[in-house]
PDB file of all heavy atoms in Angstrom:
ATOM      1  N   VAL A   1      58.269  62.650-244.081  1.00  0.00           N
ATOM      2  CA  VAL A   1      56.996  61.955-244.249  1.00  0.00           C
ATOM      3  C   VAL A   1      56.002  62.795-245.047  1.00  0.00           C
ATOM      4  O   VAL A   1      55.185  62.262-245.808  1.00  0.00           O
ATOM      5  CB  VAL A   1      56.412  61.585-242.864  1.00  0.00           C
ATOM      6  CG1 VAL A   1      56.102  62.832-242.045  1.00  0.00           C
ATOM      7  CG2 VAL A   1      55.163  60.745-243.015  1.00  0.00           C
ATOM      8  N   VAL A   2      56.070  64.129-244.914  1.00  0.00           N
ATOM      9  CA  VAL A   2      55.168  64.999-245.665  1.00  0.00           C
ATOM     10  C   VAL A   2      55.452  64.893-247.155  1.00  0.00           C
ATOM     11  O   VAL A   2      54.544  64.736-247.985  1.00  0.00           O
ATOM     12  CB  VAL A   2      55.301  66.455-245.184  1.00  0.00           C
ATOM     13  CG1 VAL A   2      54.410  67.379-246.007  1.00  0.00           C
ATOM     14  CG2 VAL A   2      54.969  66.558-243.704  1.00  0.00           C
ATOM     15  N   ASP A   3      56.740  64.971-247.513  1.00  0.00           N
ATOM     16  CA  ASP A   3      57.117  64.846-248.922  1.00  0.00           C
ATOM     17  C   ASP A   3      56.769  63.470-249.460  1.00  0.00           C
ATOM     18  O   ASP A   3      56.287  63.325-250.590  1.00  0.00           O
ATOM     19  CB  ASP A   3      58.612  65.109-249.092  1.00  0.00           C
ATOM     20  CG  ASP A   3      58.972  66.552-248.770  1.00  0.00           C
ATOM     21  OD1 ASP A   3      58.106  67.420-248.981  1.00  0.00           O
ATOM     22  OD2 ASP A   3      60.103  66.784-248.303  1.00  0.00           O
ATOM     23  N   ASN A   4      57.038  62.450-248.631  1.00  0.00           N
ATOM     24  CA  ASN A   4      56.742  61.084-249.082  1.00  0.00           C
ATOM     25  C   ASN A   4      55.243  60.893-249.329  1.00  0.00           C
ATOM     26  O   ASN A   4      54.843  60.277-250.323  1.00  0.00           O
ATOM     27  CB  ASN A   4      57.220  60.078-248.040  1.00  0.00           C
ATOM     28  CG  ASN A   4      58.740  60.013-247.955  1.00  0.00           C
ATOM     29  OD1 ASN A   4      59.432  60.469-248.874  1.00  0.00           O
ATOM     30  ND2 ASN A   4      59.256  59.469-246.871  1.00  0.00           N
ATOM     31  N   LEU A   5      54.424  61.421-248.419  1.00  0.00           N
ATOM     32  CA  LEU A   5      52.985  61.266-248.568  1.00  0.00           C
ATOM     33  C   LEU A   5      52.490  61.977-249.816  1.00  0.00           C
ATOM     34  O   LEU A   5      51.673  61.435-250.572  1.00  0.00           O
ATOM     35  CB  LEU A   5      52.281  61.813-247.329  1.00  0.00           C
ATOM     36  CG  LEU A   5      50.751  61.725-247.327  1.00  0.00           C
ATOM     37  CD1 LEU A   5      50.295  60.274-247.455  1.00  0.00           C
ATOM     38  CD2 LEU A   5      50.169  62.351-246.066  1.00  0.00           C
ATOM     39  N   ARG A   6      52.987  63.181-250.041  1.00  0.00           N
ATOM     40  CA  ARG A   6      52.576  63.923-251.234  1.00  0.00           C
ATOM     41  C   ARG A   6      52.973  63.162-252.501  1.00  0.00           C
ATOM     42  O   ARG A   6      52.186  63.037-253.444  1.00  0.00           O
ATOM     43  CB  ARG A   6      53.214  65.309-251.220  1.00  0.00           C
ATOM     44  CG  ARG A   6      52.742  66.210-252.355  1.00  0.00           C
ATOM     45  CD  ARG A   6      53.464  67.541-252.363  1.00  0.00           C
ATOM     46  NE  ARG A   6      53.166  68.315-251.168  1.00  0.00           N
ATOM     47  CZ  ARG A   6      54.042  68.597-250.213  1.00  0.00           C
ATOM     48  NH1 ARG A   6      55.293  68.146-250.292  1.00  0.00           N
ATOM     49  NH2 ARG A   6      53.696  69.326-249.174  1.00  0.00           N
ATOM     50  N   GLY A   7      54.180  62.650-252.495  1.00  0.00           N
ATOM     51  CA  GLY A   7      54.628  61.882-253.662  1.00  0.00           C
ATOM     52  C   GLY A   7      53.848  60.595-253.840  1.00  0.00           C
ATOM     53  O   GLY A   7      53.515  60.209-254.969  1.00  0.00           O
ATOM     54  N   ASP A   8      53.545  59.902-252.717  1.00  0.00           N
ATOM     55  CA  ASP A   8      52.776  58.653-252.807  1.00  0.00           C
ATOM     56  C   ASP A   8      51.376  58.907-253.368  1.00  0.00           C
ATOM     57  O   ASP A   8      50.867  58.108-254.167  1.00  0.00           O
ATOM     58  CB  ASP A   8      52.671  58.012-251.422  1.00  0.00           C
ATOM     59  CG  ASP A   8      53.980  57.396-250.962  1.00  0.00           C
ATOM     60  OD1 ASP A   8      54.867  57.214-251.817  1.00  0.00           O
ATOM     61  OD2 ASP A   8      54.116  57.126-249.753  1.00  0.00           O
ATOM     62  N   VAL A   9      50.747  60.006-252.944  1.00  0.00           N
ATOM     63  CA  VAL A   9      49.394  60.314-253.433  1.00  0.00           C
ATOM     64  C   VAL A   9      49.421  60.590-254.927  1.00  0.00           C
ATOM     65  O   VAL A   9      48.581  60.087-255.688  1.00  0.00           O
ATOM     66  CB  VAL A   9      48.814  61.509-252.650  1.00  0.00           C
ATOM     67  CG1 VAL A   9      47.530  61.999-253.305  1.00  0.00           C
ATOM     68  CG2 VAL A   9      48.540  61.110-251.204  1.00  0.00           C
ATOM     69  N   ARG A  10      50.379  61.404-255.372  1.00  0.00           N
ATOM     70  CA  ARG A  10      50.470  61.707-256.811  1.00  0.00           C
ATOM     71  C   ARG A  10      50.725  60.441-257.623  1.00  0.00           C
ATOM     72  O   ARG A  10      50.102  60.220-258.665  1.00  0.00           O
ATOM     73  CB  ARG A  10      51.582  62.725-257.064  1.00  0.00           C
ATOM     74  CG  ARG A  10      51.255  64.143-256.629  1.00  0.00           C
ATOM     75  CD  ARG A  10      52.198  65.132-257.289  1.00  0.00           C
ATOM     76  NE  ARG A  10      53.585  64.885-256.903  1.00  0.00           N
ATOM     77  CZ  ARG A  10      54.217  65.538-255.922  1.00  0.00           C
ATOM     78  NH1 ARG A  10      53.583  66.472-255.235  1.00  0.00           N
ATOM     79  NH2 ARG A  10      55.469  65.262-255.637  1.00  0.00           N
ATOM     80  N   PHE A  11      51.647  59.597-257.133  1.00  0.00           N
ATOM     81  CA  PHE A  11      51.968  58.374-257.863  1.00  0.00           C
ATOM     82  C   PHE A  11      50.767  57.427-257.869  1.00  0.00           C
ATOM     83  O   PHE A  11      50.475  56.781-258.883  1.00  0.00           O
ATOM     84  CB  PHE A  11      53.182  57.692-257.221  1.00  0.00           C
ATOM     85  CG  PHE A  11      53.665  56.488-257.966  1.00  0.00           C
ATOM     86  CD1 PHE A  11      54.398  56.622-259.129  1.00  0.00           C
ATOM     87  CD2 PHE A  11      53.357  55.209-257.515  1.00  0.00           C
ATOM     88  CE1 PHE A  11      54.840  55.512-259.815  1.00  0.00           C
ATOM     89  CE2 PHE A  11      53.790  54.093-258.206  1.00  0.00           C
ATOM     90  CZ  PHE A  11      54.539  54.249-259.369  1.00  0.00           C
ATOM     91  N   ALA A  12      50.050  57.338-256.724  1.00  0.00           N
ATOM     92  CA  ALA A  12      48.884  56.453-256.652  1.00  0.00           C
ATOM     93  C   ALA A  12      47.803  56.893-257.631  1.00  0.00           C
ATOM     94  O   ALA A  12      47.185  56.060-258.314  1.00  0.00           O
ATOM     95  CB  ALA A  12      48.338  56.426-255.233  1.00  0.00           C
ATOM     96  N   LEU A  13      47.558  58.191-257.716  1.00  0.00           N
ATOM     97  CA  LEU A  13      46.546  58.697-258.653  1.00  0.00           C
ATOM     98  C   LEU A  13      46.939  58.395-260.096  1.00  0.00           C
ATOM     99  O   LEU A  13      46.086  58.044-260.920  1.00  0.00           O
ATOM    100  CB  LEU A  13      46.350  60.193-258.449  1.00  0.00           C
ATOM    101  CG  LEU A  13      45.679  60.600-257.132  1.00  0.00           C
ATOM    102  CD1 LEU A  13      45.664  62.116-256.981  1.00  0.00           C
ATOM    103  CD2 LEU A  13      44.257  60.052-257.058  1.00  0.00           C
ATOM    104  N   ARG A  14      48.230  58.528-260.411  1.00  0.00           N
ATOM    105  CA  ARG A  14      48.684  58.192-261.778  1.00  0.00           C
ATOM    106  C   ARG A  14      48.469  56.715-262.066  1.00  0.00           C
ATOM    107  O   ARG A  14      48.007  56.343-263.160  1.00  0.00           O
ATOM    108  CB  ARG A  14      50.159  58.547-261.949  1.00  0.00           C
ATOM    109  CG  ARG A  14      50.436  60.036-262.069  1.00  0.00           C
ATOM    110  CD  ARG A  14      51.806  60.285-262.686  1.00  0.00           C
ATOM    111  NE  ARG A  14      52.884  59.664-261.924  1.00  0.00           N
ATOM    112  CZ  ARG A  14      53.535  60.250-260.924  1.00  0.00           C
ATOM    113  NH1 ARG A  14      53.198  61.490-260.551  1.00  0.00           N
ATOM    114  NH2 ARG A  14      54.499  59.622-260.282  1.00  0.00           N
ATOM    115  N   GLN A  15      48.794  55.858-261.093  1.00  0.00           N
ATOM    116  CA  GLN A  15      48.618  54.420-261.291  1.00  0.00           C
ATOM    117  C   GLN A  15      47.150  54.057-261.477  1.00  0.00           C
ATOM    118  O   GLN A  15      46.808  53.208-262.317  1.00  0.00           O
ATOM    119  CB  GLN A  15      49.197  53.659-260.099  1.00  0.00           C
ATOM    120  CG  GLN A  15      50.716  53.676-260.013  1.00  0.00           C
ATOM    121  CD  GLN A  15      51.351  52.917-261.154  1.00  0.00           C
ATOM    122  OE1 GLN A  15      50.900  51.839-261.537  1.00  0.00           O
ATOM    123  NE2 GLN A  15      52.397  53.483-261.731  1.00  0.00           N
ATOM    124  N   LEU A  16      46.264  54.688-260.700  1.00  0.00           N
ATOM    125  CA  LEU A  16      44.842  54.376-260.821  1.00  0.00           C
ATOM    126  C   LEU A  16      44.279  54.871-262.157  1.00  0.00           C
ATOM    127  O   LEU A  16      43.412  54.227-262.739  1.00  0.00           O
ATOM    128  CB  LEU A  16      44.080  54.999-259.651  1.00  0.00           C
ATOM    129  CG  LEU A  16      44.422  54.427-258.258  1.00  0.00           C
ATOM    130  CD1 LEU A  16      43.652  55.165-257.172  1.00  0.00           C
ATOM    131  CD2 LEU A  16      44.129  52.934-258.184  1.00  0.00           C
ATOM    132  N   ARG A  17      44.762  56.014-262.639  1.00  0.00           N
ATOM    133  CA  ARG A  17      44.318  56.507-263.950  1.00  0.00           C
ATOM    134  C   ARG A  17      44.805  55.608-265.078  1.00  0.00           C
ATOM    135  O   ARG A  17      44.124  55.438-266.093  1.00  0.00           O
ATOM    136  CB  ARG A  17      44.823  57.935-264.175  1.00  0.00           C
ATOM    137  CG  ARG A  17      44.036  58.994-263.440  1.00  0.00           C
ATOM    138  CD  ARG A  17      44.300  60.374-264.026  1.00  0.00           C
ATOM    139  NE  ARG A  17      45.710  60.726-263.961  1.00  0.00           N
ATOM    140  CZ  ARG A  17      46.265  61.410-262.967  1.00  0.00           C
ATOM    141  NH1 ARG A  17      45.512  61.817-261.947  1.00  0.00           N
ATOM    142  NH2 ARG A  17      47.542  61.698-262.978  1.00  0.00           N
ATOM    143  N   LYS A  18      45.965  55.003-264.907  1.00  0.00           N
ATOM    144  CA  LYS A  18      46.513  54.113-265.954  1.00  0.00           C
ATOM    145  C   LYS A  18      45.761  52.794-266.018  1.00  0.00           C
ATOM    146  O   LYS A  18      45.872  52.064-267.010  1.00  0.00           O
ATOM    147  CB  LYS A  18      48.000  53.844-265.684  1.00  0.00           C
ATOM    148  CG  LYS A  18      48.911  55.023-266.003  1.00  0.00           C
ATOM    149  CD  LYS A  18      50.325  54.768-265.528  1.00  0.00           C
ATOM    150  CE  LYS A  18      50.919  53.526-266.157  1.00  0.00           C
ATOM    151  NZ  LYS A  18      52.312  53.303-265.710  1.00  0.00           N
ATOM    152  N   ASN A  19      45.026  52.442-264.961  1.00  0.00           N
ATOM    153  CA  ASN A  19      44.290  51.168-264.924  1.00  0.00           C
ATOM    154  C   ASN A  19      42.824  51.445-264.621  1.00  0.00           C
ATOM    155  O   ASN A  19      42.318  51.121-263.517  1.00  0.00           O
ATOM    156  CB  ASN A  19      44.880  50.239-263.857  1.00  0.00           C
ATOM    157  CG  ASN A  19      46.327  49.893-264.129  1.00  0.00           C
ATOM    158  OD1 ASN A  19      46.624  48.938-264.837  1.00  0.00           O
ATOM    159  ND2 ASN A  19      47.235  50.676-263.562  1.00  0.00           N
ATOM    160  N   PRO A  20      42.085  52.035-265.549  1.00  0.00           N
ATOM    161  CA  PRO A  20      40.696  52.434-265.277  1.00  0.00           C
ATOM    162  C   PRO A  20      39.779  51.259-264.977  1.00  0.00           C
ATOM    163  O   PRO A  20      38.839  51.386-264.185  1.00  0.00           O
ATOM    164  CB  PRO A  20      40.282  53.160-266.553  1.00  0.00           C
ATOM    165  CG  PRO A  20      41.205  52.647-267.614  1.00  0.00           C
ATOM    166  CD  PRO A  20      42.504  52.384-266.925  1.00  0.00           C
ATOM    167  N   GLY A  21      40.011  50.106-265.610  1.00  0.00           N
ATOM    168  CA  GLY A  21      39.160  48.940-265.350  1.00  0.00           C
ATOM    169  C   GLY A  21      39.276  48.475-263.914  1.00  0.00           C
ATOM    170  O   GLY A  21      38.258  48.266-263.227  1.00  0.00           O
ATOM    171  N   PHE A  22      40.514  48.307-263.451  1.00  0.00           N
ATOM    172  CA  PHE A  22      40.742  47.903-262.066  1.00  0.00           C
ATOM    173  C   PHE A  22      40.180  48.943-261.099  1.00  0.00           C
ATOM    174  O   PHE A  22      39.501  48.610-260.123  1.00  0.00           O
ATOM    175  CB  PHE A  22      42.239  47.714-261.828  1.00  0.00           C
ATOM    176  CG  PHE A  22      42.624  47.725-260.380  1.00  0.00           C
ATOM    177  CD1 PHE A  22      42.446  46.603-259.596  1.00  0.00           C
ATOM    178  CD2 PHE A  22      43.154  48.878-259.797  1.00  0.00           C
ATOM    179  CE1 PHE A  22      42.779  46.622-258.246  1.00  0.00           C
ATOM    180  CE2 PHE A  22      43.490  48.901-258.460  1.00  0.00           C
ATOM    181  CZ  PHE A  22      43.302  47.770-257.680  1.00  0.00           C
ATOM    182  N   THR A  23      40.456  50.219-261.380  1.00  0.00           N
ATOM    183  CA  THR A  23      40.012  51.292-260.486  1.00  0.00           C
ATOM    184  C   THR A  23      38.497  51.331-260.372  1.00  0.00           C
ATOM    185  O   THR A  23      37.946  51.415-259.265  1.00  0.00           O
ATOM    186  CB  THR A  23      40.537  52.643-260.995  1.00  0.00           C
ATOM    187  OG1 THR A  23      41.965  52.590-261.108  1.00  0.00           O
ATOM    188  CG2 THR A  23      40.135  53.766-260.057  1.00  0.00           C
ATOM    189  N   ALA A  24      37.796  51.262-261.512  1.00  0.00           N
ATOM    190  CA  ALA A  24      36.335  51.318-261.491  1.00  0.00           C
ATOM    191  C   ALA A  24      35.744  50.128-260.747  1.00  0.00           C
ATOM    192  O   ALA A  24      34.798  50.267-259.962  1.00  0.00           O
ATOM    193  CB  ALA A  24      35.798  51.372-262.925  1.00  0.00           C
ATOM    194  N   THR A  25      36.324  48.922-260.974  1.00  0.00           N
ATOM    195  CA  THR A  25      35.819  47.721-260.299  1.00  0.00           C
ATOM    196  C   THR A  25      35.987  47.822-258.790  1.00  0.00           C
ATOM    197  O   THR A  25      35.058  47.533-258.016  1.00  0.00           O
ATOM    198  CB  THR A  25      36.554  46.478-260.823  1.00  0.00           C
ATOM    199  OG1 THR A  25      36.371  46.370-262.233  1.00  0.00           O
ATOM    200  CG2 THR A  25      36.026  45.221-260.142  1.00  0.00           C
ATOM    201  N   ALA A  26      37.178  48.246-258.342  1.00  0.00           N
ATOM    202  CA  ALA A  26      37.433  48.345-256.903  1.00  0.00           C
ATOM    203  C   ALA A  26      36.534  49.390-256.255  1.00  0.00           C
ATOM    204  O   ALA A  26      35.957  49.154-255.194  1.00  0.00           O
ATOM    205  CB  ALA A  26      38.909  48.685-256.677  1.00  0.00           C
ATOM    206  N   ILE A  27      36.389  50.549-256.890  1.00  0.00           N
ATOM    207  CA  ILE A  27      35.564  51.617-256.320  1.00  0.00           C
ATOM    208  C   ILE A  27      34.105  51.195-256.246  1.00  0.00           C
ATOM    209  O   ILE A  27      33.423  51.439-255.245  1.00  0.00           O
ATOM    210  CB  ILE A  27      35.735  52.916-257.135  1.00  0.00           C
ATOM    211  CG1 ILE A  27      37.136  53.483-256.920  1.00  0.00           C
ATOM    212  CG2 ILE A  27      34.680  53.942-256.742  1.00  0.00           C
ATOM    213  CD1 ILE A  27      37.433  54.710-257.758  1.00  0.00           C
ATOM    214  N   LEU A  28      33.601  50.542-257.297  1.00  0.00           N
ATOM    215  CA  LEU A  28      32.199  50.119-257.297  1.00  0.00           C
ATOM    216  C   LEU A  28      31.938  49.057-256.223  1.00  0.00           C
ATOM    217  O   LEU A  28      30.885  49.056-255.579  1.00  0.00           O
ATOM    218  CB  LEU A  28      31.809  49.597-258.672  1.00  0.00           C
ATOM    219  CG  LEU A  28      31.647  50.672-259.752  1.00  0.00           C
ATOM    220  CD1 LEU A  28      31.357  50.036-261.103  1.00  0.00           C
ATOM    221  CD2 LEU A  28      30.529  51.648-259.379  1.00  0.00           C
ATOM    222  N   MET A  29      32.892  48.137-256.035  1.00  0.00           N
ATOM    223  CA  MET A  29      32.734  47.125-254.975  1.00  0.00           C
ATOM    224  C   MET A  29      32.635  47.784-253.608  1.00  0.00           C
ATOM    225  O   MET A  29      31.738  47.485-252.797  1.00  0.00           O
ATOM    226  CB  MET A  29      33.921  46.161-254.992  1.00  0.00           C
ATOM    227  CG  MET A  29      33.859  45.091-256.062  1.00  0.00           C
ATOM    228  SD  MET A  29      35.232  43.938-255.862  1.00  0.00           S
ATOM    229  CE  MET A  29      34.920  42.842-257.250  1.00  0.00           C
ATOM    230  N   LEU A  30      33.568  48.703-253.335  1.00  0.00           N
ATOM    231  CA  LEU A  30      33.544  49.376-252.041  1.00  0.00           C
ATOM    232  C   LEU A  30      32.299  50.233-251.888  1.00  0.00           C
ATOM    233  O   LEU A  30      31.705  50.309-250.807  1.00  0.00           O
ATOM    234  CB  LEU A  30      34.798  50.238-251.894  1.00  0.00           C
ATOM    235  CG  LEU A  30      36.116  49.479-251.727  1.00  0.00           C
ATOM    236  CD1 LEU A  30      37.292  50.441-251.773  1.00  0.00           C
ATOM    237  CD2 LEU A  30      36.130  48.697-250.429  1.00  0.00           C
ATOM    238  N   ALA A  31      31.891  50.914-252.977  1.00  0.00           N
ATOM    239  CA  ALA A  31      30.703  51.766-252.912  1.00  0.00           C
ATOM    240  C   ALA A  31      29.452  50.947-252.629  1.00  0.00           C
ATOM    241  O   ALA A  31      28.581  51.370-251.856  1.00  0.00           O
ATOM    242  CB  ALA A  31      30.544  52.538-254.227  1.00  0.00           C
ATOM    243  N   LEU A  32      29.349  49.765-253.233  1.00  0.00           N
ATOM    244  CA  LEU A  32      28.193  48.905-252.990  1.00  0.00           C
ATOM    245  C   LEU A  32      28.119  48.488-251.527  1.00  0.00           C
ATOM    246  O   LEU A  32      27.060  48.582-250.882  1.00  0.00           O
ATOM    247  CB  LEU A  32      28.273  47.669-253.893  1.00  0.00           C
ATOM    248  CG  LEU A  32      27.175  46.622-253.685  1.00  0.00           C
ATOM    249  CD1 LEU A  32      25.814  47.210-254.007  1.00  0.00           C
ATOM    250  CD2 LEU A  32      27.448  45.385-254.550  1.00  0.00           C
ATOM    251  N   GLY A  33      29.251  48.015-250.987  1.00  0.00           N
ATOM    252  CA  GLY A  33      29.258  47.602-249.581  1.00  0.00           C
ATOM    253  C   GLY A  33      28.980  48.760-248.649  1.00  0.00           C
ATOM    254  O   GLY A  33      28.208  48.637-247.688  1.00  0.00           O
ATOM    255  N   MET A  34      29.580  49.928-248.929  1.00  0.00           N
ATOM    256  CA  MET A  34      29.378  51.090-248.068  1.00  0.00           C
ATOM    257  C   MET A  34      27.950  51.618-248.168  1.00  0.00           C
ATOM    258  O   MET A  34      27.325  51.976-247.165  1.00  0.00           O
ATOM    259  CB  MET A  34      30.377  52.184-248.444  1.00  0.00           C
ATOM    260  CG  MET A  34      30.319  53.401-247.547  1.00  0.00           C
ATOM    261  SD  MET A  34      30.799  53.045-245.846  1.00  0.00           S
ATOM    262  CE  MET A  34      32.569  52.841-246.067  1.00  0.00           C
ATOM    263  N   CYS A  35      27.417  51.679-249.389  1.00  0.00           N
ATOM    264  CA  CYS A  35      26.059  52.186-249.587  1.00  0.00           C
ATOM    265  C   CYS A  35      25.043  51.333-248.826  1.00  0.00           C
ATOM    266  O   CYS A  35      24.179  51.860-248.121  1.00  0.00           O
ATOM    267  CB  CYS A  35      25.732  52.218-251.074  1.00  0.00           C
ATOM    268  SG  CYS A  35      24.055  52.760-251.455  1.00  0.00           S
ATOM    269  N   ALA A  36      25.148  50.018-248.973  1.00  0.00           N
ATOM    270  CA  ALA A  36      24.203  49.130-248.284  1.00  0.00           C
ATOM    271  C   ALA A  36      24.336  49.257-246.766  1.00  0.00           C
ATOM    272  O   ALA A  36      23.331  49.334-246.043  1.00  0.00           O
ATOM    273  CB  ALA A  36      24.445  47.687-248.715  1.00  0.00           C
ATOM    274  N   SER A  37      25.568  49.317-246.278  1.00  0.00           N
ATOM    275  CA  SER A  37      25.779  49.397-244.830  1.00  0.00           C
ATOM    276  C   SER A  37      25.249  50.703-244.258  1.00  0.00           C
ATOM    277  O   SER A  37      24.568  50.715-243.225  1.00  0.00           O
ATOM    278  CB  SER A  37      27.277  49.262-244.518  1.00  0.00           C
ATOM    279  OG  SER A  37      27.765  48.010-244.949  1.00  0.00           O
ATOM    280  N   VAL A  38      25.552  51.817-244.926  1.00  0.00           N
ATOM    281  CA  VAL A  38      25.106  53.116-244.416  1.00  0.00           C
ATOM    282  C   VAL A  38      23.582  53.233-244.498  1.00  0.00           C
ATOM    283  O   VAL A  38      22.935  53.762-243.584  1.00  0.00           O
ATOM    284  CB  VAL A  38      25.788  54.258-245.200  1.00  0.00           C
ATOM    285  CG1 VAL A  38      25.177  55.605-244.837  1.00  0.00           C
ATOM    286  CG2 VAL A  38      27.275  54.265-244.916  1.00  0.00           C
ATOM    287  N   ALA A  39      22.997  52.725-245.591  1.00  0.00           N
ATOM    288  CA  ALA A  39      21.536  52.817-245.749  1.00  0.00           C
ATOM    289  C   ALA A  39      20.821  52.036-244.648  1.00  0.00           C
ATOM    290  O   ALA A  39      19.895  52.555-244.010  1.00  0.00           O
ATOM    291  CB  ALA A  39      21.136  52.297-247.127  1.00  0.00           C
ATOM    292  N   ILE A  40      21.239  50.807-244.409  1.00  0.00           N
ATOM    293  CA  ILE A  40      20.586  50.007-243.372  1.00  0.00           C
ATOM    294  C   ILE A  40      20.888  50.575-241.985  1.00  0.00           C
ATOM    295  O   ILE A  40      20.017  50.592-241.106  1.00  0.00           O
ATOM    296  CB  ILE A  40      21.017  48.538-243.472  1.00  0.00           C
ATOM    297  CG1 ILE A  40      20.579  47.949-244.817  1.00  0.00           C
ATOM    298  CG2 ILE A  40      20.421  47.725-242.331  1.00  0.00           C
ATOM    299  CD1 ILE A  40      19.083  48.025-245.072  1.00  0.00           C
ATOM    300  N   PHE A  41      22.112  51.083-241.791  1.00  0.00           N
ATOM    301  CA  PHE A  41      22.412  51.692-240.503  1.00  0.00           C
ATOM    302  C   PHE A  41      21.531  52.917-240.267  1.00  0.00           C
ATOM    303  O   PHE A  41      21.183  53.222-239.117  1.00  0.00           O
ATOM    304  CB  PHE A  41      23.878  52.091-240.416  1.00  0.00           C
ATOM    305  CG  PHE A  41      24.228  52.739-239.103  1.00  0.00           C
ATOM    306  CD1 PHE A  41      24.428  51.967-237.980  1.00  0.00           C
ATOM    307  CD2 PHE A  41      24.317  54.111-238.994  1.00  0.00           C
ATOM    308  CE1 PHE A  41      24.720  52.557-236.759  1.00  0.00           C
ATOM    309  CE2 PHE A  41      24.610  54.712-237.784  1.00  0.00           C
ATOM    310  CZ  PHE A  41      24.817  53.933-236.663  1.00  0.00           C
ATOM    311  N   GLY A  42      21.151  53.626-241.333  1.00  0.00           N
ATOM    312  CA  GLY A  42      20.231  54.748-241.185  1.00  0.00           C
ATOM    313  C   GLY A  42      18.912  54.309-240.569  1.00  0.00           C
ATOM    314  O   GLY A  42      18.357  54.992-239.692  1.00  0.00           O
ATOM    315  N   PHE A  43      18.399  53.154-240.998  1.00  0.00           N
ATOM    316  CA  PHE A  43      17.168  52.611-240.419  1.00  0.00           C
ATOM    317  C   PHE A  43      17.393  52.204-238.953  1.00  0.00           C
ATOM    318  O   PHE A  43      16.553  52.464-238.088  1.00  0.00           O
ATOM    319  CB  PHE A  43      16.696  51.396-241.225  1.00  0.00           C
ATOM    320  CG  PHE A  43      16.039  51.751-242.521  1.00  0.00           C
ATOM    321  CD1 PHE A  43      16.791  51.984-243.656  1.00  0.00           C
ATOM    322  CD2 PHE A  43      14.661  51.852-242.621  1.00  0.00           C
ATOM    323  CE1 PHE A  43      16.195  52.310-244.865  1.00  0.00           C
ATOM    324  CE2 PHE A  43      14.049  52.184-243.815  1.00  0.00           C
ATOM    325  CZ  PHE A  43      14.819  52.414-244.943  1.00  0.00           C
TER     326      PHE A  43
END
């Protein structure tokens, strides 16, 4: 499982770098939801 996890992480990073449009869109969506939730939870 250790080897598999290391290999999965490396392969996942390569796949995300090969698709910058998809990666940026997904990260920004999650960041928006997380930012709003954490900010309001702070209040």
